[in-house]
Amino acid sequence: MESGKAGFSATGKLQGALFSECAEWIWEQLQEDGYQLAGELIELILQTERELGIHTLSLPEIAILIADEFKMRGISGSPFAIEPPLIQAVLEWEDEFLGFAAIPRVES
């Protein structure tokens, strides 16, 4: 999923090509950390975070809310569940990317 698809309309600074670059960079970092997951899941996490308007909350809060949202939507992982610790790892790398891009999380 890319920003702009499936009814998603980004309003912050992290959108378009920068959104895709962020998701790809996070995927690369997670691969180096030993996580095996699809890049689309990272985009879905970032997209859902913005759809729900929760990207300004603390990372643990965001991770729990996204995990709950995925359960409500029937989104699951296989062979492993999409749990808050995995989501939080994505969010922590997102923070790193935002720092490199000089974008405060509240403006992302």
PDB file of N, CA and C in Angstrom:
ATOM      1  N   MET A   1       0.840  -1.171   0.000  1.00  0.00           N
ATOM      2  CA  MET A   1       0.000   0.000   0.000  1.00  0.00           C
ATOM      3  C   MET A   1       0.884   1.231   0.000  1.00  0.00           C
ATOM      4  N   GLU A   2       0.527   2.180  -0.758  1.00  0.00           N
ATOM      5  CA  GLU A   2       1.260   3.427  -0.786  1.00  0.00           C
ATOM      6  C   GLU A   2       0.350   4.544  -0.332  1.00  0.00           C
ATOM      7  N   SER A   3       0.967   5.598   0.144  1.00  0.00           N
ATOM      8  CA  SER A   3       0.202   6.779   0.515  1.00  0.00           C
ATOM      9  C   SER A   3      -0.637   7.214  -0.676  1.00  0.00           C
ATOM     10  N   GLY A   4      -1.919   7.453  -0.422  1.00  0.00           N
ATOM     11  CA  GLY A   4      -2.798   7.874  -1.507  1.00  0.00           C
ATOM     12  C   GLY A   4      -3.668   6.755  -2.029  1.00  0.00           C
ATOM     13  N   LYS A   5      -3.404   5.506  -1.642  1.00  0.00           N
ATOM     14  CA  LYS A   5      -4.213   4.377  -2.100  1.00  0.00           C
ATOM     15  C   LYS A   5      -5.239   4.013  -1.043  1.00  0.00           C
ATOM     16  N   ALA A   6      -6.241   3.300  -1.460  1.00  0.00           N
ATOM     17  CA  ALA A   6      -7.271   2.753  -0.582  1.00  0.00           C
ATOM     18  C   ALA A   6      -7.920   3.817   0.302  1.00  0.00           C
ATOM     19  N   GLY A   7      -8.130   5.014  -0.249  1.00  0.00           N
ATOM     20  CA  GLY A   7      -8.817   6.048   0.484  1.00  0.00           C
ATOM     21  C   GLY A   7      -7.958   6.764   1.515  1.00  0.00           C
ATOM     22  N   PHE A   8      -6.690   6.482   1.574  1.00  0.00           N
ATOM     23  CA  PHE A   8      -5.800   7.113   2.539  1.00  0.00           C
ATOM     24  C   PHE A   8      -5.273   8.412   1.966  1.00  0.00           C
ATOM     25  N   SER A   9      -5.400   9.472   2.714  1.00  0.00           N
ATOM     26  CA  SER A   9      -4.904  10.766   2.267  1.00  0.00           C
ATOM     27  C   SER A   9      -4.033  11.360   3.365  1.00  0.00           C
ATOM     28  N   ALA A  10      -2.734  11.365   3.146  1.00  0.00           N
ATOM     29  CA  ALA A  10      -1.806  11.911   4.126  1.00  0.00           C
ATOM     30  C   ALA A  10      -1.913  13.422   4.145  1.00  0.00           C
ATOM     31  N   THR A  11      -1.826  14.007   5.332  1.00  0.00           N
ATOM     32  CA  THR A  11      -1.904  15.452   5.447  1.00  0.00           C
ATOM     33  C   THR A  11      -0.639  16.050   6.044  1.00  0.00           C
ATOM     34  N   GLY A  12       0.219  15.247   6.643  1.00  0.00           N
ATOM     35  CA  GLY A  12       1.438  15.750   7.252  1.00  0.00           C
ATOM     36  C   GLY A  12       2.582  15.799   6.251  1.00  0.00           C
ATOM     37  N   LYS A  13       3.772  16.003   6.767  1.00  0.00           N
ATOM     38  CA  LYS A  13       4.956  16.114   5.917  1.00  0.00           C
ATOM     39  C   LYS A  13       5.439  14.764   5.395  1.00  0.00           C
ATOM     40  N   LEU A  14       5.054  13.675   6.077  1.00  0.00           N
ATOM     41  CA  LEU A  14       5.484  12.338   5.647  1.00  0.00           C
ATOM     42  C   LEU A  14       4.428  11.770   4.700  1.00  0.00           C
ATOM     43  N   GLN A  15       4.601  12.038   3.406  1.00  0.00           N
ATOM     44  CA  GLN A  15       3.652  11.567   2.406  1.00  0.00           C
ATOM     45  C   GLN A  15       4.349  11.403   1.072  1.00  0.00           C
ATOM     46  N   GLY A  16       3.648  10.781   0.141  1.00  0.00           N
ATOM     47  CA  GLY A  16       4.179  10.592  -1.209  1.00  0.00           C
ATOM     48  C   GLY A  16       5.470   9.795  -1.218  1.00  0.00           C
ATOM     49  N   ALA A  17       6.443  10.280  -1.975  1.00  0.00           N
ATOM     50  CA  ALA A  17       7.719   9.580  -2.123  1.00  0.00           C
ATOM     51  C   ALA A  17       8.449   9.471  -0.787  1.00  0.00           C
ATOM     52  N   LEU A  18       8.320  10.474   0.076  1.00  0.00           N
ATOM     53  CA  LEU A  18       8.993  10.438   1.373  1.00  0.00           C
ATOM     54  C   LEU A  18       8.396   9.352   2.260  1.00  0.00           C
ATOM     55  N   PHE A  19       7.075   9.175   2.194  1.00  0.00           N
ATOM     56  CA  PHE A  19       6.399   8.108   2.943  1.00  0.00           C
ATOM     57  C   PHE A  19       6.942   6.751   2.500  1.00  0.00           C
ATOM     58  N   SER A  20       7.027   6.540   1.194  1.00  0.00           N
ATOM     59  CA  SER A  20       7.532   5.273   0.652  1.00  0.00           C
ATOM     60  C   SER A  20       8.991   5.055   1.024  1.00  0.00           C
ATOM     61  N   GLU A  21       9.791   6.124   0.958  1.00  0.00           N
ATOM     62  CA  GLU A  21      11.205   6.019   1.326  1.00  0.00           C
ATOM     63  C   GLU A  21      11.354   5.664   2.802  1.00  0.00           C
ATOM     64  N   CYS A  22      10.523   6.268   3.642  1.00  0.00           N
ATOM     65  CA  CYS A  22      10.551   5.968   5.072  1.00  0.00           C
ATOM     66  C   CYS A  22      10.234   4.500   5.320  1.00  0.00           C
ATOM     67  N   ALA A  23       9.164   4.012   4.717  1.00  0.00           N
ATOM     68  CA  ALA A  23       8.762   2.615   4.915  1.00  0.00           C
ATOM     69  C   ALA A  23       9.844   1.658   4.430  1.00  0.00           C
ATOM     70  N   GLU A  24      10.443   1.961   3.286  1.00  0.00           N
ATOM     71  CA  GLU A  24      11.503   1.102   2.759  1.00  0.00           C
ATOM     72  C   GLU A  24      12.727   1.117   3.675  1.00  0.00           C
ATOM     73  N   TRP A  25      13.092   2.286   4.175  1.00  0.00           N
ATOM     74  CA  TRP A  25      14.246   2.398   5.067  1.00  0.00           C
ATOM     75  C   TRP A  25      13.993   1.630   6.363  1.00  0.00           C
ATOM     76  N   ILE A  26      12.788   1.757   6.916  1.00  0.00           N
ATOM     77  CA  ILE A  26      12.436   1.016   8.136  1.00  0.00           C
ATOM     78  C   ILE A  26      12.543  -0.480   7.874  1.00  0.00           C
ATOM     79  N   TRP A  27      12.028  -0.931   6.725  1.00  0.00           N
ATOM     80  CA  TRP A  27      12.092  -2.353   6.381  1.00  0.00           C
ATOM     81  C   TRP A  27      13.550  -2.824   6.356  1.00  0.00           C
ATOM     82  N   GLU A  28      14.427  -2.044   5.765  1.00  0.00           N
ATOM     83  CA  GLU A  28      15.847  -2.410   5.711  1.00  0.00           C
ATOM     84  C   GLU A  28      16.449  -2.502   7.110  1.00  0.00           C
ATOM     85  N   GLN A  29      16.116  -1.548   7.967  1.00  0.00           N
ATOM     86  CA  GLN A  29      16.648  -1.568   9.333  1.00  0.00           C
ATOM     87  C   GLN A  29      16.150  -2.794  10.098  1.00  0.00           C
ATOM     88  N   LEU A  30      14.871  -3.104   9.944  1.00  0.00           N
ATOM     89  CA  LEU A  30      14.303  -4.262  10.636  1.00  0.00           C
ATOM     90  C   LEU A  30      14.905  -5.567  10.125  1.00  0.00           C
ATOM     91  N   GLN A  31      15.185  -5.636   8.829  1.00  0.00           N
ATOM     92  CA  GLN A  31      15.835  -6.821   8.274  1.00  0.00           C
ATOM     93  C   GLN A  31      17.200  -7.021   8.931  1.00  0.00           C
ATOM     94  N   GLU A  32      17.946  -5.924   9.085  1.00  0.00           N
ATOM     95  CA  GLU A  32      19.255  -6.002   9.742  1.00  0.00           C
ATOM     96  C   GLU A  32      19.128  -6.414  11.207  1.00  0.00           C
ATOM     97  N   ASP A  33      17.990  -6.061  11.844  1.00  0.00           N
ATOM     98  CA  ASP A  33      17.731  -6.444  13.232  1.00  0.00           C
ATOM     99  C   ASP A  33      17.218  -7.877  13.360  1.00  0.00           C
ATOM    100  N   GLY A  34      17.010  -8.547  12.226  1.00  0.00           N
ATOM    101  CA  GLY A  34      16.562  -9.940  12.254  1.00  0.00           C
ATOM    102  C   GLY A  34      15.070 -10.149  12.101  1.00  0.00           C
ATOM    103  N   TYR A  35      14.321  -9.081  11.895  1.00  0.00           N
ATOM    104  CA  TYR A  35      12.878  -9.224  11.667  1.00  0.00           C
ATOM    105  C   TYR A  35      12.637  -9.636  10.222  1.00  0.00           C
ATOM    106  N   GLN A  36      11.733 -10.563  10.033  1.00  0.00           N
ATOM    107  CA  GLN A  36      11.334 -10.994   8.693  1.00  0.00           C
ATOM    108  C   GLN A  36       9.870 -10.628   8.505  1.00  0.00           C
ATOM    109  N   LEU A  37       9.623  -9.546   7.767  1.00  0.00           N
ATOM    110  CA  LEU A  37       8.260  -9.122   7.533  1.00  0.00           C
ATOM    111  C   LEU A  37       8.171  -8.421   6.193  1.00  0.00           C
ATOM    112  N   ALA A  38       6.969  -8.364   5.681  1.00  0.00           N
ATOM    113  CA  ALA A  38       6.731  -7.737   4.379  1.00  0.00           C
ATOM    114  C   ALA A  38       6.768  -6.217   4.524  1.00  0.00           C
ATOM    115  N   GLY A  39       7.324  -5.567   3.519  1.00  0.00           N
ATOM    116  CA  GLY A  39       7.370  -4.111   3.519  1.00  0.00           C
ATOM    117  C   GLY A  39       5.984  -3.491   3.565  1.00  0.00           C
ATOM    118  N   GLU A  40       5.007  -4.177   3.003  1.00  0.00           N
ATOM    119  CA  GLU A  40       3.631  -3.668   3.011  1.00  0.00           C
ATOM    120  C   GLU A  40       3.089  -3.536   4.437  1.00  0.00           C
ATOM    121  N   LEU A  41       3.550  -4.404   5.338  1.00  0.00           N
ATOM    122  CA  LEU A  41       3.100  -4.309   6.723  1.00  0.00           C
ATOM    123  C   LEU A  41       3.592  -3.010   7.346  1.00  0.00           C
ATOM    124  N   ILE A  42       4.806  -2.615   7.032  1.00  0.00           N
ATOM    125  CA  ILE A  42       5.339  -1.361   7.560  1.00  0.00           C
ATOM    126  C   ILE A  42       4.508  -0.196   7.046  1.00  0.00           C
ATOM    127  N   GLU A  43       4.213  -0.195   5.756  1.00  0.00           N
ATOM    128  CA  GLU A  43       3.374   0.869   5.194  1.00  0.00           C
ATOM    129  C   GLU A  43       2.000   0.879   5.846  1.00  0.00           C
ATOM    130  N   LEU A  44       1.441  -0.301   6.111  1.00  0.00           N
ATOM    131  CA  LEU A  44       0.130  -0.390   6.742  1.00  0.00           C
ATOM    132  C   LEU A  44       0.173   0.170   8.159  1.00  0.00           C
ATOM    133  N   ILE A  45       1.238  -0.116   8.893  1.00  0.00           N
ATOM    134  CA  ILE A  45       1.379   0.421  10.250  1.00  0.00           C
ATOM    135  C   ILE A  45       1.443   1.945  10.208  1.00  0.00           C
ATOM    136  N   LEU A  46       2.293   2.482   9.332  1.00  0.00           N
ATOM    137  CA  LEU A  46       2.434   3.935   9.232  1.00  0.00           C
ATOM    138  C   LEU A  46       1.135   4.588   8.770  1.00  0.00           C
ATOM    139  N   GLN A  47       0.478   3.962   7.826  1.00  0.00           N
ATOM    140  CA  GLN A  47      -0.785   4.485   7.299  1.00  0.00           C
ATOM    141  C   GLN A  47      -1.870   4.461   8.373  1.00  0.00           C
ATOM    142  N   THR A  48      -1.976   3.355   9.084  1.00  0.00           N
ATOM    143  CA  THR A  48      -3.005   3.225  10.121  1.00  0.00           C
ATOM    144  C   THR A  48      -2.778   4.233  11.237  1.00  0.00           C
ATOM    145  N   GLU A  49      -1.513   4.432  11.581  1.00  0.00           N
ATOM    146  CA  GLU A  49      -1.158   5.416  12.600  1.00  0.00           C
ATOM    147  C   GLU A  49      -1.717   6.794  12.236  1.00  0.00           C
ATOM    148  N   ARG A  50      -1.631   7.157  10.977  1.00  0.00           N
ATOM    149  CA  ARG A  50      -2.110   8.455  10.540  1.00  0.00           C
ATOM    150  C   ARG A  50      -3.629   8.467  10.337  1.00  0.00           C
ATOM    151  N   GLU A  51      -4.179   7.380   9.831  1.00  0.00           N
ATOM    152  CA  GLU A  51      -5.638   7.297   9.681  1.00  0.00           C
ATOM    153  C   GLU A  51      -6.336   7.514  11.012  1.00  0.00           C
ATOM    154  N   LEU A  52      -5.769   6.930  12.066  1.00  0.00           N
ATOM    155  CA  LEU A  52      -6.373   7.039  13.393  1.00  0.00           C
ATOM    156  C   LEU A  52      -6.023   8.357  14.077  1.00  0.00           C
ATOM    157  N   GLY A  53      -5.089   9.105  13.503  1.00  0.00           N
ATOM    158  CA  GLY A  53      -4.691  10.379  14.085  1.00  0.00           C
ATOM    159  C   GLY A  53      -3.985  10.232  15.425  1.00  0.00           C
ATOM    160  N   ILE A  54      -3.229   9.146  15.575  1.00  0.00           N
ATOM    161  CA  ILE A  54      -2.590   8.850  16.867  1.00  0.00           C
ATOM    162  C   ILE A  54      -1.075   9.005  16.830  1.00  0.00           C
ATOM    163  N   HIS A  55      -0.526   9.509  15.736  1.00  0.00           N
ATOM    164  CA  HIS A  55       0.927   9.560  15.591  1.00  0.00           C
ATOM    165  C   HIS A  55       1.608  10.525  16.554  1.00  0.00           C
ATOM    166  N   THR A  56       0.841  11.289  17.330  1.00  0.00           N
ATOM    167  CA  THR A  56       1.444  12.192  18.309  1.00  0.00           C
ATOM    168  C   THR A  56       1.469  11.605  19.722  1.00  0.00           C
ATOM    169  N   LEU A  57       0.882  10.416  19.900  1.00  0.00           N
ATOM    170  CA  LEU A  57       0.892   9.753  21.208  1.00  0.00           C
ATOM    171  C   LEU A  57       2.253   9.107  21.456  1.00  0.00           C
ATOM    172  N   SER A  58       2.425   8.531  22.647  1.00  0.00           N
ATOM    173  CA  SER A  58       3.672   7.827  22.943  1.00  0.00           C
ATOM    174  C   SER A  58       3.735   6.551  22.106  1.00  0.00           C
ATOM    175  N   LEU A  59       4.942   6.091  21.822  1.00  0.00           N
ATOM    176  CA  LEU A  59       5.099   4.901  20.980  1.00  0.00           C
ATOM    177  C   LEU A  59       4.418   3.666  21.561  1.00  0.00           C
ATOM    178  N   PRO A  60       4.536   3.399  22.872  1.00  0.00           N
ATOM    179  CA  PRO A  60       3.811   2.223  23.403  1.00  0.00           C
ATOM    180  C   PRO A  60       2.296   2.330  23.228  1.00  0.00           C
ATOM    181  N   GLU A  61       1.751   3.537  23.414  1.00  0.00           N
ATOM    182  CA  GLU A  61       0.307   3.731  23.225  1.00  0.00           C
ATOM    183  C   GLU A  61      -0.081   3.490  21.772  1.00  0.00           C
ATOM    184  N   ILE A  62       0.693   4.042  20.848  1.00  0.00           N
ATOM    185  CA  ILE A  62       0.408   3.868  19.426  1.00  0.00           C
ATOM    186  C   ILE A  62       0.442   2.392  19.065  1.00  0.00           C
ATOM    187  N   ALA A  63       1.468   1.686  19.549  1.00  0.00           N
ATOM    188  CA  ALA A  63       1.624   0.265  19.218  1.00  0.00           C
ATOM    189  C   ALA A  63       0.416  -0.554  19.673  1.00  0.00           C
ATOM    190  N   ILE A  64      -0.071  -0.288  20.867  1.00  0.00           N
ATOM    191  CA  ILE A  64      -1.236  -1.016  21.387  1.00  0.00           C
ATOM    192  C   ILE A  64      -2.483  -0.684  20.583  1.00  0.00           C
ATOM    193  N   LEU A  65      -2.682   0.594  20.280  1.00  0.00           N
ATOM    194  CA  LEU A  65      -3.867   1.001  19.522  1.00  0.00           C
ATOM    195  C   LEU A  65      -3.867   0.420  18.109  1.00  0.00           C
ATOM    196  N   ILE A  66      -2.702   0.383  17.471  1.00  0.00           N
ATOM    197  CA  ILE A  66      -2.630  -0.195  16.121  1.00  0.00           C
ATOM    198  C   ILE A  66      -2.863  -1.703  16.175  1.00  0.00           C
ATOM    199  N   ALA A  67      -2.296  -2.381  17.159  1.00  0.00           N
ATOM    200  CA  ALA A  67      -2.524  -3.828  17.294  1.00  0.00           C
ATOM    201  C   ALA A  67      -4.010  -4.107  17.491  1.00  0.00           C
ATOM    202  N   ASP A  68      -4.661  -3.313  18.332  1.00  0.00           N
ATOM    203  CA  ASP A  68      -6.104  -3.478  18.551  1.00  0.00           C
ATOM    204  C   ASP A  68      -6.889  -3.203  17.272  1.00  0.00           C
ATOM    205  N   GLU A  69      -6.491  -2.171  16.538  1.00  0.00           N
ATOM    206  CA  GLU A  69      -7.167  -1.829  15.281  1.00  0.00           C
ATOM    207  C   GLU A  69      -7.027  -2.962  14.271  1.00  0.00           C
ATOM    208  N   PHE A  70      -5.827  -3.533  14.172  1.00  0.00           N
ATOM    209  CA  PHE A  70      -5.608  -4.648  13.248  1.00  0.00           C
ATOM    210  C   PHE A  70      -6.496  -5.830  13.620  1.00  0.00           C
ATOM    211  N   LYS A  71      -6.635  -6.102  14.925  1.00  0.00           N
ATOM    212  CA  LYS A  71      -7.510  -7.197  15.363  1.00  0.00           C
ATOM    213  C   LYS A  71      -8.950  -6.915  14.964  1.00  0.00           C
ATOM    214  N   MET A  72      -9.396  -5.661  15.143  1.00  0.00           N
ATOM    215  CA  MET A  72     -10.777  -5.299  14.777  1.00  0.00           C
ATOM    216  C   MET A  72     -11.001  -5.422  13.279  1.00  0.00           C
ATOM    217  N   ARG A  73      -9.965  -5.139  12.483  1.00  0.00           N
ATOM    218  CA  ARG A  73     -10.073  -5.222  11.028  1.00  0.00           C
ATOM    219  C   ARG A  73      -9.837  -6.637  10.503  1.00  0.00           C
ATOM    220  N   GLY A  74      -9.465  -7.543  11.397  1.00  0.00           N
ATOM    221  CA  GLY A  74      -9.195  -8.914  10.972  1.00  0.00           C
ATOM    222  C   GLY A  74      -7.842  -9.085  10.298  1.00  0.00           C
ATOM    223  N   ILE A  75      -6.917  -8.165  10.557  1.00  0.00           N
ATOM    224  CA  ILE A  75      -5.576  -8.243   9.979  1.00  0.00           C
ATOM    225  C   ILE A  75      -4.700  -9.037  10.933  1.00  0.00           C
ATOM    226  N   SER A  76      -4.094 -10.082  10.419  1.00  0.00           N
ATOM    227  CA  SER A  76      -3.233 -10.911  11.263  1.00  0.00           C
ATOM    228  C   SER A  76      -1.990 -11.308  10.488  1.00  0.00           C
ATOM    229  N   GLY A  77      -1.005 -11.740  11.222  1.00  0.00           N
ATOM    230  CA  GLY A  77       0.237 -12.190  10.610  1.00  0.00           C
ATOM    231  C   GLY A  77       0.310 -13.700  10.599  1.00  0.00           C
ATOM    232  N   SER A  78       1.151 -14.212   9.734  1.00  0.00           N
ATOM    233  CA  SER A  78       1.355 -15.655   9.666  1.00  0.00           C
ATOM    234  C   SER A  78       2.810 -15.900   9.294  1.00  0.00           C
ATOM    235  N   PRO A  79       3.533 -16.643  10.016  1.00  0.00           N
ATOM    236  CA  PRO A  79       3.124 -17.511  11.123  1.00  0.00           C
ATOM    237  C   PRO A  79       3.063 -16.804  12.473  1.00  0.00           C
ATOM    238  N   PHE A  80       3.474 -15.540  12.576  1.00  0.00           N
ATOM    239  CA  PHE A  80       3.492 -14.837  13.851  1.00  0.00           C
ATOM    240  C   PHE A  80       2.449 -13.727  13.867  1.00  0.00           C
ATOM    241  N   ALA A  81       1.890 -13.495  15.040  1.00  0.00           N
ATOM    242  CA  ALA A  81       0.897 -12.436  15.203  1.00  0.00           C
ATOM    243  C   ALA A  81       1.569 -11.066  15.089  1.00  0.00           C
ATOM    244  N   ILE A  82       0.783 -10.064  14.756  1.00  0.00           N
ATOM    245  CA  ILE A  82       1.273  -8.691  14.699  1.00  0.00           C
ATOM    246  C   ILE A  82       1.017  -8.090  16.076  1.00  0.00           C
ATOM    247  N   GLU A  83       2.045  -8.119  16.911  1.00  0.00           N
ATOM    248  CA  GLU A  83       1.933  -7.715  18.309  1.00  0.00           C
ATOM    249  C   GLU A  83       2.529  -6.325  18.536  1.00  0.00           C
ATOM    250  N   PRO A  84       2.141  -5.659  19.649  1.00  0.00           N
ATOM    251  CA  PRO A  84       2.677  -4.334  19.953  1.00  0.00           C
ATOM    252  C   PRO A  84       4.207  -4.211  19.921  1.00  0.00           C
ATOM    253  N   PRO A  85       4.991  -5.190  20.402  1.00  0.00           N
ATOM    254  CA  PRO A  85       6.451  -5.012  20.334  1.00  0.00           C
ATOM    255  C   PRO A  85       6.975  -4.863  18.897  1.00  0.00           C
ATOM    256  N   LEU A  86       6.418  -5.599  17.961  1.00  0.00           N
ATOM    257  CA  LEU A  86       6.822  -5.468  16.561  1.00  0.00           C
ATOM    258  C   LEU A  86       6.421  -4.095  16.019  1.00  0.00           C
ATOM    259  N   ILE A  87       5.201  -3.692  16.311  1.00  0.00           N
ATOM    260  CA  ILE A  87       4.714  -2.387  15.855  1.00  0.00           C
ATOM    261  C   ILE A  87       5.574  -1.282  16.459  1.00  0.00           C
ATOM    262  N   GLN A  88       5.925  -1.412  17.732  1.00  0.00           N
ATOM    263  CA  GLN A  88       6.751  -0.394  18.374  1.00  0.00           C
ATOM    264  C   GLN A  88       8.138  -0.335  17.741  1.00  0.00           C
ATOM    265  N   ALA A  89       8.685  -1.465  17.328  1.00  0.00           N
ATOM    266  CA  ALA A  89       9.982  -1.461  16.640  1.00  0.00           C
ATOM    267  C   ALA A  89       9.893  -0.651  15.349  1.00  0.00           C
ATOM    268  N   VAL A  90       8.796  -0.804  14.614  1.00  0.00           N
ATOM    269  CA  VAL A  90       8.573  -0.014  13.394  1.00  0.00           C
ATOM    270  C   VAL A  90       8.522   1.468  13.751  1.00  0.00           C
ATOM    271  N   LEU A  91       7.791   1.803  14.806  1.00  0.00           N
ATOM    272  CA  LEU A  91       7.629   3.199  15.207  1.00  0.00           C
ATOM    273  C   LEU A  91       8.949   3.817  15.672  1.00  0.00           C
ATOM    274  N   GLU A  92       9.778   3.023  16.342  1.00  0.00           N
ATOM    275  CA  GLU A  92      11.078   3.538  16.792  1.00  0.00           C
ATOM    276  C   GLU A  92      11.975   3.871  15.607  1.00  0.00           C
ATOM    277  N   TRP A  93      11.957   3.012  14.576  1.00  0.00           N
ATOM    278  CA  TRP A  93      12.732   3.314  13.378  1.00  0.00           C
ATOM    279  C   TRP A  93      12.127   4.488  12.610  1.00  0.00           C
ATOM    280  N   GLU A  94      10.796   4.605  12.670  1.00  0.00           N
ATOM    281  CA  GLU A  94      10.152   5.764  12.048  1.00  0.00           C
ATOM    282  C   GLU A  94      10.661   7.048  12.699  1.00  0.00           C
ATOM    283  N   ASP A  95      10.770   7.041  14.034  1.00  0.00           N
ATOM    284  CA  ASP A  95      11.299   8.206  14.736  1.00  0.00           C
ATOM    285  C   ASP A  95      12.709   8.552  14.272  1.00  0.00           C
ATOM    286  N   GLU A  96      13.532   7.528  14.055  1.00  0.00           N
ATOM    287  CA  GLU A  96      14.893   7.749  13.557  1.00  0.00           C
ATOM    288  C   GLU A  96      14.844   8.428  12.187  1.00  0.00           C
ATOM    289  N   PHE A  97      14.002   7.905  11.309  1.00  0.00           N
ATOM    290  CA  PHE A  97      13.879   8.471   9.964  1.00  0.00           C
ATOM    291  C   PHE A  97      13.403   9.920  10.040  1.00  0.00           C
ATOM    292  N   LEU A  98      12.391  10.163  10.862  1.00  0.00           N
ATOM    293  CA  LEU A  98      11.868  11.527  11.001  1.00  0.00           C
ATOM    294  C   LEU A  98      12.956  12.469  11.506  1.00  0.00           C
ATOM    295  N   GLY A  99      13.805  11.987  12.402  1.00  0.00           N
ATOM    296  CA  GLY A  99      14.916  12.791  12.896  1.00  0.00           C
ATOM    297  C   GLY A  99      15.881  13.143  11.792  1.00  0.00           C
ATOM    298  N   PHE A 100      16.217  12.151  10.942  1.00  0.00           N
ATOM    299  CA  PHE A 100      17.110  12.400   9.813  1.00  0.00           C
ATOM    300  C   PHE A 100      16.502  13.401   8.836  1.00  0.00           C
ATOM    301  N   ALA A 101      15.180  13.334   8.685  1.00  0.00           N
ATOM    302  CA  ALA A 101      14.466  14.210   7.747  1.00  0.00           C
ATOM    303  C   ALA A 101      14.102  15.559   8.377  1.00  0.00           C
ATOM    304  N   ALA A 102      14.460  15.739   9.644  1.00  0.00           N
ATOM    305  CA  ALA A 102      14.147  16.969  10.392  1.00  0.00           C
ATOM    306  C   ALA A 102      12.646  17.269  10.417  1.00  0.00           C
ATOM    307  N   ILE A 103      11.865  16.199  10.608  1.00  0.00           N
ATOM    308  CA  ILE A 103      10.411  16.338  10.696  1.00  0.00           C
ATOM    309  C   ILE A 103       9.988  15.939  12.109  1.00  0.00           C
ATOM    310  N   PRO A 104       9.456  16.866  12.893  1.00  0.00           N
ATOM    311  CA  PRO A 104       8.937  16.489  14.208  1.00  0.00           C
ATOM    312  C   PRO A 104       7.767  15.509  14.042  1.00  0.00           C
ATOM    313  N   ARG A 105       7.680  14.529  14.929  1.00  0.00           N
ATOM    314  CA  ARG A 105       6.600  13.524  14.838  1.00  0.00           C
ATOM    315  C   ARG A 105       5.240  14.182  14.729  1.00  0.00           C
ATOM    316  N   VAL A 106       5.001  15.249  15.462  1.00  0.00           N
ATOM    317  CA  VAL A 106       3.699  15.910  15.443  1.00  0.00           C
ATOM    318  C   VAL A 106       3.362  16.461  14.054  1.00  0.00           C
ATOM    319  N   GLU A 107       4.380  16.731  13.226  1.00  0.00           N
ATOM    320  CA  GLU A 107       4.149  17.268  11.878  1.00  0.00           C
ATOM    321  C   GLU A 107       4.212  16.195  10.795  1.00  0.00           C
ATOM    322  N   SER A 108       4.416  14.958  11.222  1.00  0.00           N
ATOM    323  CA  SER A 108       4.591  13.896  10.234  1.00  0.00           C
ATOM    324  C   SER A 108       3.266  13.419   9.682  1.00  0.00           C
TER     325      SER A 108
END
